Protein backbone atom coordinates (compact mmCIF):
# COMPACT_ATOMS: atom_id res chain seq x y z
CA MET A 1 40.82 -6.93 -69.82
CA LEU A 2 41.94 -3.41 -70.74
CA ASN A 3 44.91 -3.72 -68.37
CA TRP A 4 46.22 -6.77 -70.25
CA ILE A 5 45.64 -5.20 -73.66
CA TRP A 6 47.58 -2.10 -72.58
CA LEU A 7 50.47 -4.18 -71.25
CA PHE A 8 50.46 -6.32 -74.40
CA PHE A 9 51.11 -3.24 -76.54
CA PHE A 10 54.18 -2.26 -74.53
CA PHE A 11 55.74 -5.71 -74.03
CA SER A 12 55.17 -6.82 -77.63
CA ALA A 13 56.75 -3.54 -78.79
CA PHE A 14 59.74 -4.23 -76.51
CA LEU A 15 60.18 -7.79 -77.80
CA SER A 16 59.93 -6.59 -81.39
CA ALA A 17 62.57 -3.93 -80.72
CA ILE A 18 64.92 -6.44 -79.09
CA SER A 19 64.47 -8.79 -82.06
CA GLN A 20 65.22 -6.05 -84.58
CA LEU A 21 68.28 -4.93 -82.63
CA LEU A 22 69.77 -8.43 -82.28
CA PHE A 23 68.85 -9.98 -85.63
CA GLN A 24 68.57 -7.01 -87.99
CA GLY A 25 71.09 -4.63 -86.45
CA ASN A 26 68.50 -1.86 -86.19
CA THR A 27 70.18 0.47 -83.68
CA ASP A 28 67.58 3.20 -84.15
CA ILE A 29 64.59 1.17 -83.01
CA PHE A 30 64.68 2.27 -79.37
CA ASN A 31 65.10 5.88 -80.48
CA LEU A 32 61.90 5.47 -82.48
CA LEU A 33 60.06 3.99 -79.49
CA VAL A 34 61.06 6.80 -77.12
CA ALA A 35 60.27 9.44 -79.76
CA SER A 36 56.85 7.83 -80.20
CA LEU A 37 56.19 8.13 -76.46
CA PHE A 38 56.70 11.89 -76.56
CA ASP A 39 54.94 12.39 -79.90
CA MET A 40 51.82 10.52 -78.78
CA ALA A 41 51.77 12.34 -75.44
CA LYS A 42 51.82 15.67 -77.30
CA LEU A 43 49.15 14.46 -79.74
CA SER A 44 46.92 13.39 -76.82
CA PHE A 45 47.14 16.85 -75.26
CA ASP A 46 46.49 18.57 -78.59
CA ILE A 47 43.42 16.42 -79.21
CA ALA A 48 42.02 16.95 -75.70
CA LEU A 49 42.63 20.71 -75.97
CA GLY A 50 40.85 20.85 -79.31
CA LEU A 51 37.95 18.86 -77.90
CA VAL A 52 37.21 21.38 -75.15
CA GLY A 53 35.40 23.85 -77.37
CA ILE A 54 33.59 21.29 -79.52
CA LEU A 55 32.52 19.13 -76.57
CA THR A 56 31.27 22.06 -74.51
CA LEU A 57 29.22 23.23 -77.52
CA TRP A 58 27.43 19.92 -78.11
CA MET A 59 26.96 19.01 -74.47
CA GLY A 60 25.32 22.41 -74.03
CA ILE A 61 22.97 21.82 -76.97
CA LEU A 62 22.07 18.32 -75.77
CA LYS A 63 21.33 19.64 -72.28
CA ILE A 64 18.74 21.98 -73.82
CA GLY A 65 17.05 18.97 -75.42
CA GLU A 66 17.14 17.10 -72.13
CA HIS A 67 15.57 19.98 -70.18
CA ALA A 68 13.04 20.53 -72.97
CA GLY A 69 11.60 17.07 -72.32
CA LEU A 70 12.59 15.40 -75.59
CA VAL A 71 14.00 12.36 -73.77
CA GLU A 72 10.71 11.99 -71.91
CA LYS A 73 8.72 12.24 -75.17
CA LEU A 74 10.88 9.62 -76.84
CA SER A 75 10.50 7.30 -73.84
CA ARG A 76 6.70 7.47 -74.11
CA LEU A 77 7.01 6.67 -77.81
CA LEU A 78 9.15 3.57 -77.13
CA SER A 79 7.30 2.15 -74.09
CA PRO A 80 4.76 0.02 -76.06
CA LEU A 81 7.60 -1.70 -77.95
CA PHE A 82 9.47 -2.78 -74.81
CA ALA A 83 6.26 -3.92 -73.15
CA HIS A 84 5.92 -6.53 -75.93
CA LEU A 85 9.61 -7.48 -76.15
CA MET A 86 9.79 -8.16 -72.40
CA PRO A 87 6.62 -10.12 -71.63
CA GLU A 88 7.81 -11.17 -68.14
CA VAL A 89 7.91 -7.51 -67.04
CA PRO A 90 4.51 -6.31 -65.73
CA ARG A 91 2.90 -3.71 -67.97
CA ASN A 92 3.02 -0.87 -65.43
CA HIS A 93 6.38 -1.75 -63.92
CA PRO A 94 8.73 1.26 -63.58
CA ALA A 95 11.49 -0.70 -65.37
CA LEU A 96 9.72 -0.13 -68.71
CA GLY A 97 9.87 3.63 -68.19
CA HIS A 98 13.56 3.51 -67.24
CA ILE A 99 14.36 1.31 -70.25
CA SER A 100 12.54 3.64 -72.62
CA MET A 101 14.31 6.69 -71.17
CA ASN A 102 17.68 4.95 -71.50
CA PHE A 103 17.13 4.22 -75.20
CA ALA A 104 15.78 7.68 -75.80
CA ALA A 105 18.96 9.13 -74.29
CA ASN A 106 21.13 6.77 -76.39
CA ILE A 107 19.29 7.70 -79.58
CA MET A 108 19.90 11.38 -78.87
CA GLY A 109 23.58 10.77 -78.09
CA LEU A 110 23.27 11.67 -74.39
CA ASP A 111 25.87 9.15 -73.18
CA ASN A 112 26.29 10.74 -69.77
CA ALA A 113 22.55 10.61 -69.14
CA ALA A 114 22.07 7.17 -70.73
CA THR A 115 24.46 5.26 -68.47
CA PRO A 116 22.97 6.20 -65.05
CA ILE A 117 19.44 5.71 -66.43
CA GLY A 118 20.53 2.34 -67.84
CA ILE A 119 21.89 1.23 -64.47
CA LYS A 120 18.62 2.30 -62.85
CA ALA A 121 16.71 0.25 -65.47
CA MET A 122 18.86 -2.80 -64.76
CA GLN A 123 18.24 -2.38 -61.02
CA SER A 124 14.50 -2.16 -61.67
CA LEU A 125 14.62 -5.37 -63.72
CA GLN A 126 16.59 -7.04 -60.92
CA THR A 127 13.67 -6.52 -58.51
CA ILE A 128 11.60 -9.01 -60.54
CA ASN A 129 14.49 -11.37 -61.35
CA PRO A 130 13.78 -14.74 -59.64
CA GLU A 131 17.47 -15.81 -59.77
CA ARG A 132 19.51 -12.96 -58.30
CA GLU A 133 22.91 -13.96 -59.76
CA THR A 134 21.62 -15.09 -63.19
CA ALA A 135 20.64 -12.63 -65.92
CA SER A 136 16.95 -12.72 -66.80
CA ASN A 137 15.69 -12.69 -70.39
CA ALA A 138 14.60 -9.06 -70.06
CA GLN A 139 17.99 -8.03 -68.66
CA ILE A 140 19.81 -9.76 -71.51
CA LEU A 141 17.65 -8.13 -74.18
CA PHE A 142 18.11 -4.73 -72.57
CA LEU A 143 21.87 -5.19 -72.39
CA VAL A 144 22.27 -6.45 -75.99
CA LEU A 145 20.26 -3.54 -77.36
CA ASN A 146 22.57 -1.24 -75.37
CA THR A 147 25.68 -2.85 -76.82
CA SER A 148 24.33 -2.39 -80.35
CA SER A 149 23.79 1.29 -79.44
CA LEU A 150 21.32 2.71 -81.97
CA THR A 151 22.36 6.38 -82.12
CA LEU A 152 20.84 8.96 -84.44
CA PHE A 153 23.30 11.71 -83.56
CA PRO A 154 26.92 10.42 -83.36
CA ILE A 155 28.12 13.76 -82.03
CA ALA A 156 31.35 12.42 -80.49
CA ILE A 157 32.67 11.03 -83.79
CA LEU A 158 31.77 14.16 -85.72
CA MET A 159 33.48 16.13 -82.97
CA TYR A 160 36.71 14.12 -83.28
CA ARG A 161 36.70 14.49 -87.06
CA ALA A 162 36.24 18.25 -86.72
CA GLN A 163 39.05 18.43 -84.18
CA GLN A 164 41.35 16.54 -86.57
CA GLY A 165 40.68 19.10 -89.31
CA ALA A 166 38.07 17.36 -91.49
CA PRO A 167 36.54 19.95 -93.87
CA ASP A 168 33.18 18.14 -93.63
CA PRO A 169 32.94 16.24 -90.31
CA ALA A 170 29.38 15.03 -91.00
CA VAL A 171 30.26 13.06 -94.15
CA VAL A 172 30.20 9.84 -92.05
CA PHE A 173 26.75 10.57 -90.60
CA LEU A 174 24.68 8.41 -92.99
CA PRO A 175 27.16 5.49 -93.09
CA ILE A 176 27.13 5.39 -89.27
CA LEU A 177 23.32 5.53 -89.22
CA LEU A 178 23.10 2.52 -91.57
CA ALA A 179 25.73 0.53 -89.64
CA THR A 180 24.30 1.17 -86.17
CA SER A 181 20.78 0.34 -87.40
CA ALA A 182 22.05 -2.97 -88.78
CA SER A 183 23.77 -3.87 -85.50
CA SER A 184 20.65 -3.01 -83.46
CA ILE A 185 18.36 -5.10 -85.66
CA ALA A 186 20.87 -7.99 -85.58
CA GLY A 187 21.08 -7.84 -81.78
CA LEU A 188 17.29 -7.85 -81.44
CA LEU A 189 16.88 -10.78 -83.85
CA ALA A 190 19.64 -12.78 -82.13
CA VAL A 191 18.03 -12.42 -78.70
CA ALA A 192 14.55 -13.05 -80.12
CA PHE A 193 15.81 -16.30 -81.69
CA VAL A 194 17.45 -17.55 -78.48
CA GLN A 195 14.60 -16.49 -76.20
CA LYS A 196 11.87 -17.51 -78.70
CA LEU A 197 10.28 -14.06 -78.50
CA ASN A 198 7.21 -13.37 -80.56
CA ILE A 199 8.36 -10.46 -82.71
CA PHE A 200 5.58 -10.98 -85.22
CA ASN A 201 2.84 -9.28 -83.25
CA ARG A 202 1.38 -6.05 -84.60
CA VAL A 203 3.14 -3.68 -82.19
CA VAL A 204 6.68 -5.03 -82.69
CA LEU A 205 6.19 -5.42 -86.44
CA GLY A 206 4.87 -1.87 -86.56
CA TYR A 207 7.96 -0.42 -84.90
CA LEU A 208 10.36 -2.60 -86.88
CA GLY A 209 8.42 -2.00 -90.08
CA VAL A 210 8.75 1.76 -89.75
CA MET A 211 12.47 1.48 -89.01
CA VAL A 212 13.15 -0.90 -91.90
CA ALA A 213 10.98 1.10 -94.30
CA VAL A 214 12.85 4.31 -93.50
CA LEU A 215 16.21 2.58 -93.91
CA LEU A 216 15.24 0.86 -97.16
CA SER A 217 13.86 4.10 -98.57
CA LEU A 218 17.08 5.87 -97.64
CA VAL A 219 19.20 3.10 -99.15
CA ALA A 220 17.10 3.04 -102.34
CA TYR A 221 17.45 6.79 -102.76
CA LEU A 222 21.19 6.76 -102.09
CA ALA A 223 21.67 3.82 -104.46
CA SER A 224 20.25 5.93 -107.30
CA LEU A 225 23.05 8.50 -106.94
CA ASN A 226 26.45 8.47 -108.56
CA PRO A 227 29.51 8.69 -106.26
CA ASP A 228 29.86 12.49 -106.53
CA GLU A 229 26.17 13.06 -105.86
CA LEU A 230 26.25 10.54 -103.00
CA SER A 231 28.96 12.50 -101.19
CA LYS A 232 27.18 15.82 -101.67
CA VAL A 233 23.75 14.53 -100.65
CA SER A 234 25.18 12.75 -97.60
CA SER A 235 26.86 15.95 -96.48
CA LEU A 236 23.76 18.08 -97.13
CA MET A 237 21.39 15.71 -95.34
CA ALA A 238 23.68 15.29 -92.35
CA ASN A 239 24.47 18.97 -91.82
CA SER A 240 20.92 20.18 -92.43
CA LEU A 241 19.53 17.54 -90.06
CA LEU A 242 22.05 18.36 -87.33
CA PHE A 243 21.38 22.10 -87.48
CA SER A 244 17.62 21.46 -87.63
CA VAL A 245 17.96 19.44 -84.43
CA VAL A 246 19.71 22.39 -82.76
CA ILE A 247 16.79 24.65 -83.74
CA LEU A 248 14.26 22.01 -82.62
CA PHE A 249 15.90 21.75 -79.20
CA MET A 250 15.80 25.52 -78.79
CA ALA A 251 12.19 25.75 -79.99
CA MET A 252 11.11 23.00 -77.58
CA GLY A 253 12.96 24.79 -74.80
CA ILE A 254 11.06 28.00 -75.54
CA ARG A 255 7.78 26.08 -75.61
CA ARG A 256 8.51 24.50 -72.23
CA LYS A 257 9.43 27.95 -70.89
CA ILE A 258 12.91 26.92 -69.75
CA ASN A 259 15.88 29.26 -69.75
CA VAL A 260 17.57 27.98 -72.90
CA TYR A 261 20.75 29.95 -72.33
CA GLU A 262 21.21 28.69 -68.76
CA SER A 263 20.54 25.12 -69.87
CA PHE A 264 23.21 25.48 -72.54
CA ILE A 265 25.71 26.84 -69.99
CA GLU A 266 24.96 23.94 -67.62
CA GLY A 267 25.63 21.38 -70.34
CA ALA A 268 28.69 23.27 -71.57
CA LYS A 269 30.21 23.09 -68.07
CA GLU A 270 29.69 19.34 -68.08
CA GLY A 271 31.30 19.17 -71.51
CA PHE A 272 34.35 21.05 -70.29
CA GLN A 273 34.78 18.67 -67.35
CA LEU A 274 34.32 15.69 -69.64
CA ALA A 275 37.03 16.94 -72.02
CA ILE A 276 39.47 17.20 -69.10
CA THR A 277 38.45 13.75 -67.83
CA ILE A 278 39.12 12.16 -71.22
CA LEU A 279 42.80 13.24 -71.37
CA PRO A 280 44.41 10.56 -69.10
CA PHE A 281 42.55 7.71 -70.83
CA LEU A 282 43.30 9.10 -74.26
CA LEU A 283 46.98 9.57 -73.45
CA ALA A 284 47.34 6.07 -71.98
CA MET A 285 45.95 4.35 -75.05
CA LEU A 286 47.52 6.57 -77.71
CA VAL A 287 50.99 6.18 -76.17
CA ALA A 288 50.60 2.39 -76.04
CA ILE A 289 49.33 2.21 -79.63
CA GLY A 290 52.08 4.60 -80.73
CA VAL A 291 54.91 2.36 -79.48
CA PHE A 292 53.07 -0.70 -80.85
CA ARG A 293 53.13 0.91 -84.31
CA ALA A 294 56.66 2.33 -83.99
CA SER A 295 58.02 -1.12 -83.10
CA GLY A 296 56.59 -2.51 -86.33
CA MET A 297 54.24 -4.95 -84.55
CA LEU A 298 51.06 -3.30 -85.79
CA ASP A 299 52.36 -3.37 -89.37
CA TYR A 300 53.26 -7.06 -89.01
CA CYS A 301 49.75 -7.91 -87.79
CA LEU A 302 48.08 -5.86 -90.52
CA SER A 303 50.35 -7.34 -93.18
CA ALA A 304 49.33 -10.84 -92.12
CA LEU A 305 45.66 -9.89 -92.32
CA ARG A 306 46.18 -8.12 -95.65
CA TRP A 307 47.88 -11.23 -97.07
CA SER A 308 44.99 -13.41 -95.87
CA PHE A 309 42.31 -11.22 -97.44
CA ASP A 310 44.35 -10.80 -100.61
CA TRP A 311 44.68 -14.60 -100.84
CA LEU A 312 40.87 -14.74 -100.73
CA GLY A 313 40.72 -12.28 -103.61
CA MET A 314 39.31 -9.42 -101.54
CA ASP A 315 40.10 -5.71 -101.65
CA THR A 316 42.41 -5.03 -98.70
CA ARG A 317 42.14 -1.26 -98.25
CA PHE A 318 39.89 -1.70 -95.20
CA VAL A 319 42.56 -3.65 -93.30
CA ASP A 320 44.18 -0.46 -91.95
CA ALA A 321 40.89 0.31 -90.15
CA LEU A 322 40.65 -3.10 -88.49
CA PRO A 323 42.50 -2.13 -85.27
CA THR A 324 39.48 0.00 -84.36
CA ALA A 325 37.15 -2.91 -85.14
CA PHE A 326 39.15 -5.39 -83.05
CA MET A 327 39.31 -3.02 -80.09
CA LYS A 328 35.66 -1.91 -80.22
CA PRO A 329 34.05 -4.81 -78.29
CA LEU A 330 36.81 -4.68 -75.65
CA SER A 331 37.37 -1.00 -74.88
CA GLY A 332 35.60 2.19 -75.91
CA SER A 333 38.58 4.36 -75.06
CA GLY A 334 40.91 1.91 -76.82
CA ALA A 335 38.79 1.91 -79.97
CA ARG A 336 38.60 5.70 -79.87
CA ALA A 337 42.37 5.88 -79.58
CA MET A 338 42.78 3.45 -82.48
CA MET A 339 40.45 5.59 -84.60
CA LEU A 340 42.38 8.76 -83.74
CA GLU A 341 45.71 7.08 -84.42
CA THR A 342 44.41 5.97 -87.82
CA MET A 343 43.28 9.52 -88.57
CA ASN A 344 46.67 10.88 -87.49
CA ASN A 345 48.66 8.29 -89.45
CA TYR A 346 46.70 8.22 -92.72
CA GLY A 347 44.80 11.54 -92.70
CA VAL A 348 41.35 12.34 -91.34
CA ASP A 349 39.62 11.92 -94.72
CA SER A 350 41.65 8.92 -95.88
CA PHE A 351 39.76 5.72 -96.67
CA PRO A 352 41.03 3.85 -93.55
CA ALA A 353 40.12 6.80 -91.30
CA LEU A 354 36.60 7.07 -92.75
CA ILE A 355 36.06 3.33 -92.30
CA ALA A 356 37.43 3.52 -88.73
CA ALA A 357 35.05 6.37 -87.87
CA THR A 358 32.09 4.42 -89.27
CA VAL A 359 33.11 1.32 -87.31
CA GLN A 360 33.46 3.40 -84.15
CA GLY A 361 29.87 4.60 -84.50
CA SER A 362 28.40 1.25 -85.51
CA THR A 363 28.15 -0.35 -82.07
CA GLU A 364 28.99 0.01 -78.37
CA THR A 365 31.69 -1.62 -76.22
CA THR A 366 30.15 -5.00 -75.35
CA PHE A 367 32.39 -6.07 -72.45
CA TYR A 368 32.29 -2.62 -70.85
CA VAL A 369 28.48 -2.61 -70.93
CA LEU A 370 28.44 -6.16 -69.54
CA ALA A 371 30.75 -5.19 -66.69
CA VAL A 372 28.95 -1.96 -65.76
CA TYR A 373 25.31 -3.02 -66.09
CA PHE A 374 25.52 -6.56 -64.75
CA GLY A 375 28.10 -5.56 -62.15
CA ALA A 376 25.72 -2.93 -60.79
CA VAL A 377 23.20 -5.62 -59.80
CA GLY A 378 25.55 -8.51 -58.95
CA ILE A 379 24.83 -10.69 -62.01
CA LYS A 380 27.43 -13.47 -62.34
CA ARG A 381 25.83 -15.84 -64.89
CA ILE A 382 25.36 -13.81 -68.07
CA ARG A 383 23.96 -16.72 -70.16
CA HIS A 384 23.74 -15.73 -73.86
CA ALA A 385 24.29 -11.98 -73.34
CA ALA A 386 27.91 -11.88 -74.55
CA THR A 387 27.25 -14.14 -77.57
CA CYS A 388 24.31 -12.06 -78.80
CA GLY A 389 26.15 -8.81 -78.07
CA LEU A 390 29.22 -9.90 -80.04
CA PHE A 391 27.01 -11.04 -82.92
CA ALA A 392 25.50 -7.54 -83.05
CA ASP A 393 29.05 -6.11 -82.98
CA PHE A 394 30.11 -8.34 -85.87
CA VAL A 395 27.13 -7.36 -88.02
CA GLY A 396 27.64 -3.68 -87.25
CA ILE A 397 31.35 -3.78 -88.10
CA VAL A 398 30.86 -5.74 -91.35
CA THR A 399 28.07 -3.35 -92.34
CA ALA A 400 30.31 -0.37 -91.54
CA ILE A 401 33.01 -1.72 -93.87
CA LEU A 402 30.56 -2.47 -96.68
CA VAL A 403 28.83 0.90 -96.35
CA GLY A 404 32.26 2.57 -96.23
CA TYR A 405 33.13 1.07 -99.62
CA TRP A 406 29.77 2.24 -100.95
CA PHE A 407 30.14 5.82 -99.77
CA PHE A 408 33.91 6.36 -99.90
CA GLY A 409 35.36 3.58 -102.06
């Protein structure tokens, strides 16, 4: 899928350039395309270089939390919920532990840890799957909740905003929290409806009730603020919470008698390697998107969308953030590149860039998760997994846009 998207950017840019040269006499169009190639290549390197320090910092901090046992504690907290949502899984089956650890890692933003644990969870569920090539109900629910990606600490997005020069990177923290919560609840309800799960028992209602109560309380408090107060409170809450988490991780590390400094260094080394690994993928997508924009094709597509929404009487300022939304279910690296290109083109704190960042944090890449998790166990018939996952994506993206207007509009 990503291969064809990447090629589409280049060939559509070429066709647009040929059309402009032949029918509009635009002799500079190919100069613009080649200049875009070099400009985007330089931007990719600059971004990756700036990420090294920020990524090593946060990967080091998250490694402290991992070694301090916070993932394990969260997994024990979540186990009763998954035992009720997956009734076909035996109560003491190791899959429930792996699933809980995977979600605990996702909630904490430990992407590198979450993926291998998630694959292990899917393999554990496969051992009790009666039809080896067909996804079971439990596997589908697990996958959809992964695609909705409830994350309390969207470190990567804050990191990119900081790298792009945002004076307050955490200003998108609360909007992302609201959007990702909406997508997770939507994914759960969609699967529960299709699979006829009983989500009205005391345990499930207890977990969901706490989550919804916290969100509604937060929304009610934020709704009482005027726009200036909303921005200040959002920034204060986000930054104080993030730094409090850093202190909590260190305090837990001291309590568990681990070497906090060595744990930080271990995670920082992983962060450095990850920053280097990101560069080729970032460059590939940014260069393709750059020529797509330079050729005028992106502007044509956005203009058509803007006209459609304007015809419906809607505000159209969010349209410039839609490339990130369209790419999100298909490619994580592509959506990240779209977000960065929006930041670079409009400014890191522009309305389109803030919406794009919120969209980026609202959900996970559905088709990537499908390919990795189901591919790891040889699942060929995915049943309703993609439909429910895309529904969660849609809800998360729409919520991200609406919340963006509330916070930044």
